Amino acid sequence: MNELVTQPAMQQHIFPEGVKYSPGKFSATALLAIFFLYQIVGGGIALIIAGGEITKSNVALTRTATMVAQFLFLLLPTLWLIKHQHGTSRGVLLWRIPSTKEFILSVVGMVALLQVADGYMYFQEMIPLPENIKPFIELMKRMIEETYKVLVQTSTVTELIFVVIVVALTPAICEEVLFRGLVQKNISLATNRTKGFIITGIIFGLYHFNPFLAVPLVGLGIFFSFLQYRSQTIILPMIAHFVNNGVSVIGVYYYGYDQANMPTIISNDGSWRMILGSTIMFAVVFIIAMTQYFKATEHVVHSVEQPVTAPEVP
């Protein structure tokens, strides 16, 4: 007998759900590839179109370039990666229609969490910075804020609608397909569903590379991932993502950039006690909404299979 038949030269790796590559390594590689395509290539093209600086004269063109870049360099590569890794989008992009109760609770939770995040940012500003790095930090923050301010400030309803499409609708589709679709699925396969939504949320927050909004962005990311995890549909995180960005844009239109970033309208007097009370109040609303959401999605969680973990390779 040929010994090569009984003693194979190598063992074949078997990954969960028939994926082609190791889910953990694939997630990391996909994120790096998308970062290069969208942030470096797409961002570079948008910057060239803007002439190196975003101004009121070229902001419309810059907004259009940003929207196109999200579809070309974020959404399309993500869909290709899903097909390459899984063979199909079924099981990755979950499209179950959520119930009315799930929808309402997720939106209420999103609005409440947005106010909590604004409250956190208000108190974060009070943290003293070392004098030797304070000028550098303030310069970075001012540059980021000025760029964002030019992009989201609008003067007409038509311009507002376009900015909502660019800043709210487009990211809600493109980013959610990447994070709550491709990334969360593969990290869940590499670990389990609970760790999957937490790790995905953290990656989402850090992936935006904004150190001043890192904590709120991580919180939002975990919230979006939790919605997908409990409801087993990408529709709810898309809606929540849209609401989060859309409320900010509409707030800037009606109240101005600086006023829109206050925790609540009732905190106009600048009293930290009022803002603290408002933040706590909305935190309670968020907890209540998520408690009810947890109950409303219990049947969905029980209907799916047991948490998936990667099998050990012999």
C-alpha atoms as a PDB file:
ATOM      1  CA  MET A   1       0.000   0.000   0.000  1.00  0.00           C
ATOM      2  CA  ASN A   2       1.135   3.534  -0.718  1.00  0.00           C
ATOM      3  CA  GLU A   3       1.906   5.241   2.602  1.00  0.00           C
ATOM      4  CA  LEU A   4       1.001   8.605   1.086  1.00  0.00           C
ATOM      5  CA  VAL A   5      -2.640   7.543   1.147  1.00  0.00           C
ATOM      6  CA  THR A   6      -2.699   6.800   4.876  1.00  0.00           C
ATOM      7  CA  GLN A   7      -0.382   9.631   5.892  1.00  0.00           C
ATOM      8  CA  PRO A   8      -1.603  12.829   4.217  1.00  0.00           C
ATOM      9  CA  ALA A   9       1.080  15.486   3.826  1.00  0.00           C
ATOM     10  CA  MET A  10      -1.129  18.240   5.230  1.00  0.00           C
ATOM     11  CA  GLN A  11      -4.475  18.749   6.916  1.00  0.00           C
ATOM     12  CA  GLN A  12      -7.172  20.955   5.459  1.00  0.00           C
ATOM     13  CA  HIS A  13      -8.566  23.765   7.612  1.00  0.00           C
ATOM     14  CA  ILE A  14     -12.313  23.596   8.017  1.00  0.00           C
ATOM     15  CA  PHE A  15     -13.993  26.902   8.816  1.00  0.00           C
ATOM     16  CA  PRO A  16     -17.553  27.390  10.166  1.00  0.00           C
ATOM     17  CA  GLU A  17     -20.496  27.697   7.786  1.00  0.00           C
ATOM     18  CA  GLY A  18     -18.275  26.839   4.853  1.00  0.00           C
ATOM     19  CA  VAL A  19     -16.521  30.194   4.644  1.00  0.00           C
ATOM     20  CA  LYS A  20     -13.448  30.292   2.452  1.00  0.00           C
ATOM     21  CA  TYR A  21     -10.968  31.909   4.838  1.00  0.00           C
ATOM     22  CA  SER A  22     -10.409  32.197   8.573  1.00  0.00           C
ATOM     23  CA  PRO A  23     -13.200  34.577   9.739  1.00  0.00           C
ATOM     24  CA  GLY A  24     -11.010  36.541  12.149  1.00  0.00           C
ATOM     25  CA  LYS A  25      -8.156  37.076   9.709  1.00  0.00           C
ATOM     26  CA  PHE A  26     -10.591  37.797   6.898  1.00  0.00           C
ATOM     27  CA  SER A  27     -12.294  40.533   8.965  1.00  0.00           C
ATOM     28  CA  ALA A  28      -8.968  42.230   9.667  1.00  0.00           C
ATOM     29  CA  THR A  29      -7.865  42.005   6.031  1.00  0.00           C
ATOM     30  CA  ALA A  30     -11.219  43.298   4.777  1.00  0.00           C
ATOM     31  CA  LEU A  31     -11.113  46.295   7.123  1.00  0.00           C
ATOM     32  CA  LEU A  32      -7.603  47.192   6.001  1.00  0.00           C
ATOM     33  CA  ALA A  33      -8.554  46.864   2.336  1.00  0.00           C
ATOM     34  CA  ILE A  34     -11.708  48.969   2.723  1.00  0.00           C
ATOM     35  CA  PHE A  35      -9.784  51.568   4.732  1.00  0.00           C
ATOM     36  CA  PHE A  36      -7.257  51.915   1.936  1.00  0.00           C
ATOM     37  CA  LEU A  37      -9.881  52.069  -0.805  1.00  0.00           C
ATOM     38  CA  TYR A  38     -12.299  54.443   0.917  1.00  0.00           C
ATOM     39  CA  GLN A  39     -10.138  56.605   3.178  1.00  0.00           C
ATOM     40  CA  ILE A  40      -6.987  56.795   1.059  1.00  0.00           C
ATOM     41  CA  VAL A  41      -8.196  56.398  -2.545  1.00  0.00           C
ATOM     42  CA  GLY A  42     -11.722  57.773  -2.191  1.00  0.00           C
ATOM     43  CA  GLY A  43     -10.721  60.456   0.307  1.00  0.00           C
ATOM     44  CA  GLY A  44      -7.787  61.454  -1.845  1.00  0.00           C
ATOM     45  CA  ILE A  45      -9.968  61.832  -4.926  1.00  0.00           C
ATOM     46  CA  ALA A  46     -12.501  63.919  -2.982  1.00  0.00           C
ATOM     47  CA  LEU A  47      -9.697  66.106  -1.653  1.00  0.00           C
ATOM     48  CA  ILE A  48      -8.295  66.617  -5.168  1.00  0.00           C
ATOM     49  CA  ILE A  49     -11.754  67.535  -6.435  1.00  0.00           C
ATOM     50  CA  ALA A  50     -12.047  70.041  -3.582  1.00  0.00           C
ATOM     51  CA  GLY A  51      -8.697  71.532  -4.502  1.00  0.00           C
ATOM     52  CA  GLY A  52      -7.139  70.532  -1.202  1.00  0.00           C
ATOM     53  CA  GLU A  53      -9.628  72.445   0.940  1.00  0.00           C
ATOM     54  CA  ILE A  54     -13.379  72.258   1.492  1.00  0.00           C
ATOM     55  CA  THR A  55     -14.956  75.685   1.084  1.00  0.00           C
ATOM     56  CA  LYS A  56     -18.467  77.025   0.566  1.00  0.00           C
ATOM     57  CA  SER A  57     -17.773  77.377  -3.142  1.00  0.00           C
ATOM     58  CA  ASN A  58     -16.892  73.702  -3.682  1.00  0.00           C
ATOM     59  CA  VAL A  59     -18.837  72.063  -0.869  1.00  0.00           C
ATOM     60  CA  ALA A  60     -21.624  70.779  -3.171  1.00  0.00           C
ATOM     61  CA  LEU A  61     -19.090  69.034  -5.391  1.00  0.00           C
ATOM     62  CA  THR A  62     -17.265  67.673  -2.348  1.00  0.00           C
ATOM     63  CA  ARG A  63     -20.503  66.276  -0.917  1.00  0.00           C
ATOM     64  CA  THR A  64     -21.257  64.542  -4.220  1.00  0.00           C
ATOM     65  CA  ALA A  65     -17.739  63.101  -4.414  1.00  0.00           C
ATOM     66  CA  THR A  66     -18.018  61.847  -0.824  1.00  0.00           C
ATOM     67  CA  MET A  67     -21.325  60.104  -1.544  1.00  0.00           C
ATOM     68  CA  VAL A  68     -20.035  58.485  -4.744  1.00  0.00           C
ATOM     69  CA  ALA A  69     -16.866  57.359  -2.943  1.00  0.00           C
ATOM     70  CA  GLN A  70     -18.938  55.560  -0.297  1.00  0.00           C
ATOM     71  CA  PHE A  71     -20.746  53.534  -2.941  1.00  0.00           C
ATOM     72  CA  LEU A  72     -17.705  52.864  -5.137  1.00  0.00           C
ATOM     73  CA  PHE A  73     -14.975  52.326  -2.549  1.00  0.00           C
ATOM     74  CA  LEU A  74     -16.951  51.044   0.448  1.00  0.00           C
ATOM     75  CA  LEU A  75     -20.223  49.379  -0.540  1.00  0.00           C
ATOM     76  CA  LEU A  76     -19.192  47.641  -3.771  1.00  0.00           C
ATOM     77  CA  PRO A  77     -15.926  46.193  -2.376  1.00  0.00           C
ATOM     78  CA  THR A  78     -17.811  45.006   0.706  1.00  0.00           C
ATOM     79  CA  LEU A  79     -20.399  43.192  -1.409  1.00  0.00           C
ATOM     80  CA  TRP A  80     -17.579  41.593  -3.423  1.00  0.00           C
ATOM     81  CA  LEU A  81     -15.829  40.472  -0.221  1.00  0.00           C
ATOM     82  CA  ILE A  82     -19.064  38.979   1.104  1.00  0.00           C
ATOM     83  CA  LYS A  83     -19.518  37.020  -2.124  1.00  0.00           C
ATOM     84  CA  HIS A  84     -15.866  35.930  -2.078  1.00  0.00           C
ATOM     85  CA  GLN A  85     -15.935  34.764   1.546  1.00  0.00           C
ATOM     86  CA  HIS A  86     -19.449  33.357   1.861  1.00  0.00           C
ATOM     87  CA  GLY A  87     -20.509  32.658  -1.716  1.00  0.00           C
ATOM     88  CA  THR A  88     -23.804  34.445  -1.062  1.00  0.00           C
ATOM     89  CA  SER A  89     -25.133  37.398   0.924  1.00  0.00           C
ATOM     90  CA  ARG A  90     -27.796  35.182   2.508  1.00  0.00           C
ATOM     91  CA  GLY A  91     -26.974  34.734   6.167  1.00  0.00           C
ATOM     92  CA  VAL A  92     -24.704  37.801   6.106  1.00  0.00           C
ATOM     93  CA  LEU A  93     -27.070  40.604   5.132  1.00  0.00           C
ATOM     94  CA  LEU A  94     -30.180  39.709   7.125  1.00  0.00           C
ATOM     95  CA  TRP A  95     -33.304  41.424   5.804  1.00  0.00           C
ATOM     96  CA  ARG A  96     -36.059  40.282   8.177  1.00  0.00           C
ATOM     97  CA  ILE A  97     -38.775  42.949   8.433  1.00  0.00           C
ATOM     98  CA  PRO A  98     -38.829  44.080  12.096  1.00  0.00           C
ATOM     99  CA  SER A  99     -42.059  44.467  14.025  1.00  0.00           C
ATOM    100  CA  THR A 100     -43.543  47.891  14.700  1.00  0.00           C
ATOM    101  CA  LYS A 101     -42.574  47.578  18.373  1.00  0.00           C
ATOM    102  CA  GLU A 102     -38.962  46.769  17.512  1.00  0.00           C
ATOM    103  CA  PHE A 103     -38.848  49.753  15.168  1.00  0.00           C
ATOM    104  CA  ILE A 104     -40.292  52.217  17.690  1.00  0.00           C
ATOM    105  CA  LEU A 105     -38.104  51.031  20.560  1.00  0.00           C
ATOM    106  CA  SER A 106     -34.935  51.161  18.461  1.00  0.00           C
ATOM    107  CA  VAL A 107     -35.684  54.724  17.324  1.00  0.00           C
ATOM    108  CA  VAL A 108     -36.542  55.856  20.859  1.00  0.00           C
ATOM    109  CA  GLY A 109     -33.336  54.243  22.088  1.00  0.00           C
ATOM    110  CA  MET A 110     -31.346  55.969  19.337  1.00  0.00           C
ATOM    111  CA  VAL A 111     -32.722  59.426  20.109  1.00  0.00           C
ATOM    112  CA  ALA A 112     -32.128  58.945  23.845  1.00  0.00           C
ATOM    113  CA  LEU A 113     -28.600  57.644  23.292  1.00  0.00           C
ATOM    114  CA  LEU A 114     -27.840  60.621  21.050  1.00  0.00           C
ATOM    115  CA  GLN A 115     -28.712  62.969  23.916  1.00  0.00           C
ATOM    116  CA  VAL A 116     -26.629  60.937  26.350  1.00  0.00           C
ATOM    117  CA  ALA A 117     -23.686  61.144  23.959  1.00  0.00           C
ATOM    118  CA  ASP A 118     -24.085  64.921  23.672  1.00  0.00           C
ATOM    119  CA  GLY A 119     -24.156  65.154  27.456  1.00  0.00           C
ATOM    120  CA  TYR A 120     -20.997  63.081  27.705  1.00  0.00           C
ATOM    121  CA  MET A 121     -19.255  65.333  25.180  1.00  0.00           C
ATOM    122  CA  TYR A 122     -20.238  68.408  27.198  1.00  0.00           C
ATOM    123  CA  PHE A 123     -18.528  67.048  30.301  1.00  0.00           C
ATOM    124  CA  GLN A 124     -15.600  65.665  28.325  1.00  0.00           C
ATOM    125  CA  GLU A 125     -14.818  69.243  27.339  1.00  0.00           C
ATOM    126  CA  MET A 126     -14.287  70.020  31.028  1.00  0.00           C
ATOM    127  CA  ILE A 127     -11.404  67.565  31.371  1.00  0.00           C
ATOM    128  CA  PRO A 128      -8.199  69.628  31.745  1.00  0.00           C
ATOM    129  CA  LEU A 129      -5.449  69.008  29.199  1.00  0.00           C
ATOM    130  CA  PRO A 130      -1.681  69.182  29.821  1.00  0.00           C
ATOM    131  CA  GLU A 131      -0.448  72.629  28.811  1.00  0.00           C
ATOM    132  CA  ASN A 132       2.282  71.254  26.529  1.00  0.00           C
ATOM    133  CA  ILE A 133      -0.171  69.389  24.262  1.00  0.00           C
ATOM    134  CA  LYS A 134      -3.237  71.609  24.684  1.00  0.00           C
ATOM    135  CA  PRO A 135      -2.506  73.858  21.629  1.00  0.00           C
ATOM    136  CA  PHE A 136      -2.004  70.817  19.381  1.00  0.00           C
ATOM    137  CA  ILE A 137      -5.204  69.132  20.598  1.00  0.00           C
ATOM    138  CA  GLU A 138      -7.209  72.325  20.180  1.00  0.00           C
ATOM    139  CA  LEU A 139      -5.864  72.768  16.640  1.00  0.00           C
ATOM    140  CA  MET A 140      -6.793  69.199  15.670  1.00  0.00           C
ATOM    141  CA  LYS A 141     -10.249  69.566  17.141  1.00  0.00           C
ATOM    142  CA  ARG A 142     -10.842  72.889  15.401  1.00  0.00           C
ATOM    143  CA  MET A 143      -9.770  71.470  12.029  1.00  0.00           C
ATOM    144  CA  ILE A 144     -12.112  68.486  12.345  1.00  0.00           C
ATOM    145  CA  GLU A 145     -15.023  70.644  13.483  1.00  0.00           C
ATOM    146  CA  GLU A 146     -14.538  73.240  10.753  1.00  0.00           C
ATOM    147  CA  THR A 147     -14.479  70.565   8.041  1.00  0.00           C
ATOM    148  CA  TYR A 148     -17.608  68.880   9.381  1.00  0.00           C
ATOM    149  CA  LYS A 149     -19.345  72.226   9.869  1.00  0.00           C
ATOM    150  CA  VAL A 150     -18.861  73.186   6.211  1.00  0.00           C
ATOM    151  CA  LEU A 151     -20.204  69.793   5.088  1.00  0.00           C
ATOM    152  CA  VAL A 152     -23.390  69.801   7.190  1.00  0.00           C
ATOM    153  CA  GLN A 153     -24.406  73.463   7.309  1.00  0.00           C
ATOM    154  CA  THR A 154     -27.268  74.233   4.941  1.00  0.00           C
ATOM    155  CA  SER A 155     -29.324  77.278   4.065  1.00  0.00           C
ATOM    156  CA  THR A 156     -32.230  75.892   2.011  1.00  0.00           C
ATOM    157  CA  VAL A 157     -34.581  72.923   2.310  1.00  0.00           C
ATOM    158  CA  THR A 158     -33.292  71.501  -0.982  1.00  0.00           C
ATOM    159  CA  GLU A 159     -29.710  71.662   0.270  1.00  0.00           C
ATOM    160  CA  LEU A 160     -30.808  70.106   3.562  1.00  0.00           C
ATOM    161  CA  ILE A 161     -32.398  67.139   1.793  1.00  0.00           C
ATOM    162  CA  PHE A 162     -29.225  66.556  -0.244  1.00  0.00           C
ATOM    163  CA  VAL A 163     -27.007  66.723   2.856  1.00  0.00           C
ATOM    164  CA  VAL A 164     -29.295  64.257   4.658  1.00  0.00           C
ATOM    165  CA  ILE A 165     -28.838  61.875   1.708  1.00  0.00           C
ATOM    166  CA  VAL A 166     -25.046  62.318   1.770  1.00  0.00           C
ATOM    167  CA  VAL A 167     -24.421  62.388   5.533  1.00  0.00           C
ATOM    168  CA  ALA A 168     -27.255  60.183   6.833  1.00  0.00           C
ATOM    169  CA  LEU A 169     -28.744  57.878   4.195  1.00  0.00           C
ATOM    170  CA  THR A 170     -25.579  56.880   2.321  1.00  0.00           C
ATOM    171  CA  PRO A 171     -23.531  55.940   5.439  1.00  0.00           C
ATOM    172  CA  ALA A 172     -26.553  54.157   6.910  1.00  0.00           C
ATOM    173  CA  ILE A 173     -26.500  51.833   3.909  1.00  0.00           C
ATOM    174  CA  CYS A 174     -22.809  51.528   3.079  1.00  0.00           C
ATOM    175  CA  GLU A 175     -21.298  51.428   6.572  1.00  0.00           C
ATOM    176  CA  GLU A 176     -23.938  49.065   7.930  1.00  0.00           C
ATOM    177  CA  VAL A 177     -23.387  46.571   5.118  1.00  0.00           C
ATOM    178  CA  LEU A 178     -19.686  46.588   6.028  1.00  0.00           C
ATOM    179  CA  PHE A 179     -19.906  46.513   9.825  1.00  0.00           C
ATOM    180  CA  ARG A 180     -23.237  44.872  10.702  1.00  0.00           C
ATOM    181  CA  GLY A 181     -22.973  42.625   7.655  1.00  0.00           C
ATOM    182  CA  LEU A 182     -19.486  41.456   6.729  1.00  0.00           C
ATOM    183  CA  VAL A 183     -17.537  42.314   9.899  1.00  0.00           C
ATOM    184  CA  GLN A 184     -20.088  41.281  12.527  1.00  0.00           C
ATOM    185  CA  LYS A 185     -20.816  38.017  10.746  1.00  0.00           C
ATOM    186  CA  ASN A 186     -17.166  36.988  10.513  1.00  0.00           C
ATOM    187  CA  ILE A 187     -16.201  38.104  14.011  1.00  0.00           C
ATOM    188  CA  SER A 188     -19.223  36.221  15.356  1.00  0.00           C
ATOM    189  CA  LEU A 189     -18.032  33.116  13.515  1.00  0.00           C
ATOM    190  CA  ALA A 190     -14.535  33.567  14.924  1.00  0.00           C
ATOM    191  CA  THR A 191     -15.832  34.025  18.500  1.00  0.00           C
ATOM    192  CA  ASN A 192     -19.566  33.931  19.230  1.00  0.00           C
ATOM    193  CA  ARG A 193     -22.578  36.166  18.604  1.00  0.00           C
ATOM    194  CA  THR A 194     -22.300  38.116  21.865  1.00  0.00           C
ATOM    195  CA  LYS A 195     -18.601  38.870  21.499  1.00  0.00           C
ATOM    196  CA  GLY A 196     -19.245  39.495  17.823  1.00  0.00           C
ATOM    197  CA  PHE A 197     -21.570  42.445  18.317  1.00  0.00           C
ATOM    198  CA  ILE A 198     -19.420  43.977  21.077  1.00  0.00           C
ATOM    199  CA  ILE A 199     -16.137  43.710  19.154  1.00  0.00           C
ATOM    200  CA  THR A 200     -17.791  44.954  15.966  1.00  0.00           C
ATOM    201  CA  GLY A 201     -19.158  47.992  17.804  1.00  0.00           C
ATOM    202  CA  ILE A 202     -15.735  48.842  19.212  1.00  0.00           C
ATOM    203  CA  ILE A 203     -14.129  48.508  15.775  1.00  0.00           C
ATOM    204  CA  PHE A 204     -16.846  50.721  14.280  1.00  0.00           C
ATOM    205  CA  GLY A 205     -16.104  53.502  16.759  1.00  0.00           C
ATOM    206  CA  LEU A 206     -12.332  53.352  16.373  1.00  0.00           C
ATOM    207  CA  TYR A 207     -12.546  52.987  12.574  1.00  0.00           C
ATOM    208  CA  HIS A 208     -13.742  56.599  12.275  1.00  0.00           C
ATOM    209  CA  PHE A 209     -10.379  57.823  13.593  1.00  0.00           C
ATOM    210  CA  ASN A 210     -11.837  60.709  15.575  1.00  0.00           C
ATOM    211  CA  PRO A 211     -10.191  60.697  19.036  1.00  0.00           C
ATOM    212  CA  PHE A 212     -12.558  63.394  20.326  1.00  0.00           C
ATOM    213  CA  LEU A 213     -15.641  61.281  19.567  1.00  0.00           C
ATOM    214  CA  ALA A 214     -14.128  57.853  20.248  1.00  0.00           C
ATOM    215  CA  VAL A 215     -16.261  57.015  23.304  1.00  0.00           C
ATOM    216  CA  PRO A 216     -19.634  58.103  21.813  1.00  0.00           C
ATOM    217  CA  LEU A 217     -18.811  56.396  18.499  1.00  0.00           C
ATOM    218  CA  VAL A 218     -17.929  53.129  20.236  1.00  0.00           C
ATOM    219  CA  GLY A 219     -21.191  53.386  22.182  1.00  0.00           C
ATOM    220  CA  LEU A 220     -23.160  53.952  18.991  1.00  0.00           C
ATOM    221  CA  GLY A 221     -21.338  51.103  17.266  1.00  0.00           C
ATOM    222  CA  ILE A 222     -22.167  48.638  20.030  1.00  0.00           C
ATOM    223  CA  PHE A 223     -25.779  49.858  19.993  1.00  0.00           C
ATOM    224  CA  PHE A 224     -26.090  49.337  16.216  1.00  0.00           C
ATOM    225  CA  SER A 225     -24.505  45.893  16.497  1.00  0.00           C
ATOM    226  CA  PHE A 226     -26.792  44.992  19.411  1.00  0.00           C
ATOM    227  CA  LEU A 227     -29.848  45.864  17.315  1.00  0.00           C
ATOM    228  CA  GLN A 228     -28.673  43.507  14.578  1.00  0.00           C
ATOM    229  CA  TYR A 229     -27.776  40.787  17.085  1.00  0.00           C
ATOM    230  CA  ARG A 230     -31.157  40.814  18.815  1.00  0.00           C
ATOM    231  CA  SER A 231     -33.427  41.360  15.799  1.00  0.00           C
ATOM    232  CA  GLN A 232     -31.367  39.369  13.284  1.00  0.00           C
ATOM    233  CA  THR A 233     -31.879  42.058  10.647  1.00  0.00           C
ATOM    234  CA  ILE A 234     -29.671  44.785   9.236  1.00  0.00           C
ATOM    235  CA  ILE A 235     -32.679  47.045   8.707  1.00  0.00           C
ATOM    236  CA  LEU A 236     -32.858  48.308  12.311  1.00  0.00           C
ATOM    237  CA  PRO A 237     -29.209  49.384  12.587  1.00  0.00           C
ATOM    238  CA  MET A 238     -29.586  51.086   9.212  1.00  0.00           C
ATOM    239  CA  ILE A 239     -32.604  53.014  10.502  1.00  0.00           C
ATOM    240  CA  ALA A 240     -30.872  53.899  13.776  1.00  0.00           C
ATOM    241  CA  HIS A 241     -27.748  55.010  11.910  1.00  0.00           C
ATOM    242  CA  PHE A 242     -29.870  57.184   9.636  1.00  0.00           C
ATOM    243  CA  VAL A 243     -31.731  58.709  12.574  1.00  0.00           C
ATOM    244  CA  ASN A 244     -28.494  59.471  14.414  1.00  0.00           C
ATOM    245  CA  ASN A 245     -26.886  61.308  11.493  1.00  0.00           C
ATOM    246  CA  GLY A 246     -30.133  62.817  10.238  1.00  0.00           C
ATOM    247  CA  VAL A 247     -31.082  64.354  13.579  1.00  0.00           C
ATOM    248  CA  SER A 248     -27.655  66.001  13.768  1.00  0.00           C
ATOM    249  CA  VAL A 249     -27.953  67.492  10.279  1.00  0.00           C
ATOM    250  CA  ILE A 250     -31.506  68.733  10.841  1.00  0.00           C
ATOM    251  CA  GLY A 251     -30.488  70.147  14.223  1.00  0.00           C
ATOM    252  CA  VAL A 252     -27.699  72.164  12.579  1.00  0.00           C
ATOM    253  CA  TYR A 253     -30.181  73.485   9.997  1.00  0.00           C
ATOM    254  CA  TYR A 254     -32.688  74.717  12.585  1.00  0.00           C
ATOM    255  CA  TYR A 255     -30.485  75.714  15.523  1.00  0.00           C
ATOM    256  CA  GLY A 256     -27.017  76.315  14.041  1.00  0.00           C
ATOM    257  CA  TYR A 257     -23.917  74.176  14.478  1.00  0.00           C
ATOM    258  CA  ASP A 258     -22.956  75.223  18.015  1.00  0.00           C
ATOM    259  CA  GLN A 259     -26.476  75.120  19.456  1.00  0.00           C
ATOM    260  CA  ALA A 260     -27.277  71.771  17.803  1.00  0.00           C
ATOM    261  CA  ASN A 261     -24.426  70.156  19.716  1.00  0.00           C
ATOM    262  CA  MET A 262     -25.880  71.063  23.105  1.00  0.00           C
ATOM    263  CA  PRO A 263     -27.326  68.048  24.954  1.00  0.00           C
ATOM    264  CA  THR A 264     -30.908  69.341  24.900  1.00  0.00           C
ATOM    265  CA  ILE A 265     -32.818  72.469  23.995  1.00  0.00           C
ATOM    266  CA  ILE A 266     -33.682  72.996  27.668  1.00  0.00           C
ATOM    267  CA  SER A 267     -29.970  73.355  28.486  1.00  0.00           C
ATOM    268  CA  ASN A 268     -29.632  76.690  26.707  1.00  0.00           C
ATOM    269  CA  ASP A 269     -28.710  78.428  29.957  1.00  0.00           C
ATOM    270  CA  GLY A 270     -25.444  76.444  30.004  1.00  0.00           C
ATOM    271  CA  SER A 271     -26.059  75.122  33.527  1.00  0.00           C
ATOM    272  CA  TRP A 272     -24.039  71.946  34.065  1.00  0.00           C
ATOM    273  CA  ARG A 273     -26.632  70.766  36.584  1.00  0.00           C
ATOM    274  CA  MET A 274     -29.388  71.076  33.993  1.00  0.00           C
ATOM    275  CA  ILE A 275     -27.269  69.208  31.448  1.00  0.00           C
ATOM    276  CA  LEU A 276     -26.390  66.488  33.951  1.00  0.00           C
ATOM    277  CA  GLY A 277     -30.038  66.045  34.870  1.00  0.00           C
ATOM    278  CA  SER A 278     -31.025  65.936  31.202  1.00  0.00           C
ATOM    279  CA  THR A 279     -28.309  63.364  30.442  1.00  0.00           C
ATOM    280  CA  ILE A 280     -29.408  61.126  33.319  1.00  0.00           C
ATOM    281  CA  MET A 281     -33.037  61.434  32.262  1.00  0.00           C
ATOM    282  CA  PHE A 282     -32.277  60.319  28.715  1.00  0.00           C
ATOM    283  CA  ALA A 283     -30.031  57.531  30.030  1.00  0.00           C
ATOM    284  CA  VAL A 284     -33.029  56.204  31.970  1.00  0.00           C
ATOM    285  CA  VAL A 285     -35.204  56.454  28.853  1.00  0.00           C
ATOM    286  CA  PHE A 286     -32.570  54.521  26.897  1.00  0.00           C
ATOM    287  CA  ILE A 287     -32.364  51.766  29.525  1.00  0.00           C
ATOM    288  CA  ILE A 288     -36.159  51.401  29.628  1.00  0.00           C
ATOM    289  CA  ALA A 289     -36.390  51.305  25.814  1.00  0.00           C
ATOM    290  CA  MET A 290     -33.646  48.677  25.557  1.00  0.00           C
ATOM    291  CA  THR A 291     -35.185  46.571  28.327  1.00  0.00           C
ATOM    292  CA  GLN A 292     -38.447  46.482  26.379  1.00  0.00           C
ATOM    293  CA  TYR A 293     -36.547  45.872  23.134  1.00  0.00           C
ATOM    294  CA  PHE A 294     -34.762  42.950  24.762  1.00  0.00           C
ATOM    295  CA  LYS A 295     -38.124  41.417  25.637  1.00  0.00           C
ATOM    296  CA  ALA A 296     -39.615  42.194  22.222  1.00  0.00           C
ATOM    297  CA  THR A 297     -36.825  40.303  20.446  1.00  0.00           C
ATOM    298  CA  GLU A 298     -36.713  37.267  22.731  1.00  0.00           C
ATOM    299  CA  HIS A 299     -38.585  35.125  20.232  1.00  0.00           C
ATOM    300  CA  VAL A 300     -36.143  36.087  17.482  1.00  0.00           C
ATOM    301  CA  VAL A 301     -33.088  35.072  19.485  1.00  0.00           C
ATOM    302  CA  HIS A 302     -34.661  31.740  20.434  1.00  0.00           C
ATOM    303  CA  SER A 303     -35.533  31.041  16.795  1.00  0.00           C
ATOM    304  CA  VAL A 304     -31.932  31.164  15.607  1.00  0.00           C
ATOM    305  CA  GLU A 305     -29.408  28.433  16.093  1.00  0.00           C
ATOM    306  CA  GLN A 306     -27.188  28.144  19.124  1.00  0.00           C
ATOM    307  CA  PRO A 307     -24.186  30.555  19.175  1.00  0.00           C
ATOM    308  CA  VAL A 308     -21.756  29.613  16.449  1.00  0.00           C
ATOM    309  CA  THR A 309     -18.104  29.117  17.308  1.00  0.00           C
ATOM    310  CA  ALA A 310     -15.250  28.081  15.105  1.00  0.00           C
ATOM    311  CA  PRO A 311     -14.578  24.339  15.383  1.00  0.00           C
ATOM    312  CA  GLU A 312     -11.172  23.235  16.512  1.00  0.00           C
ATOM    313  CA  VAL A 313      -8.910  21.997  13.747  1.00  0.00           C
ATOM    314  CA  PRO A 314      -7.595  18.521  14.578  1.00  0.00           C
END
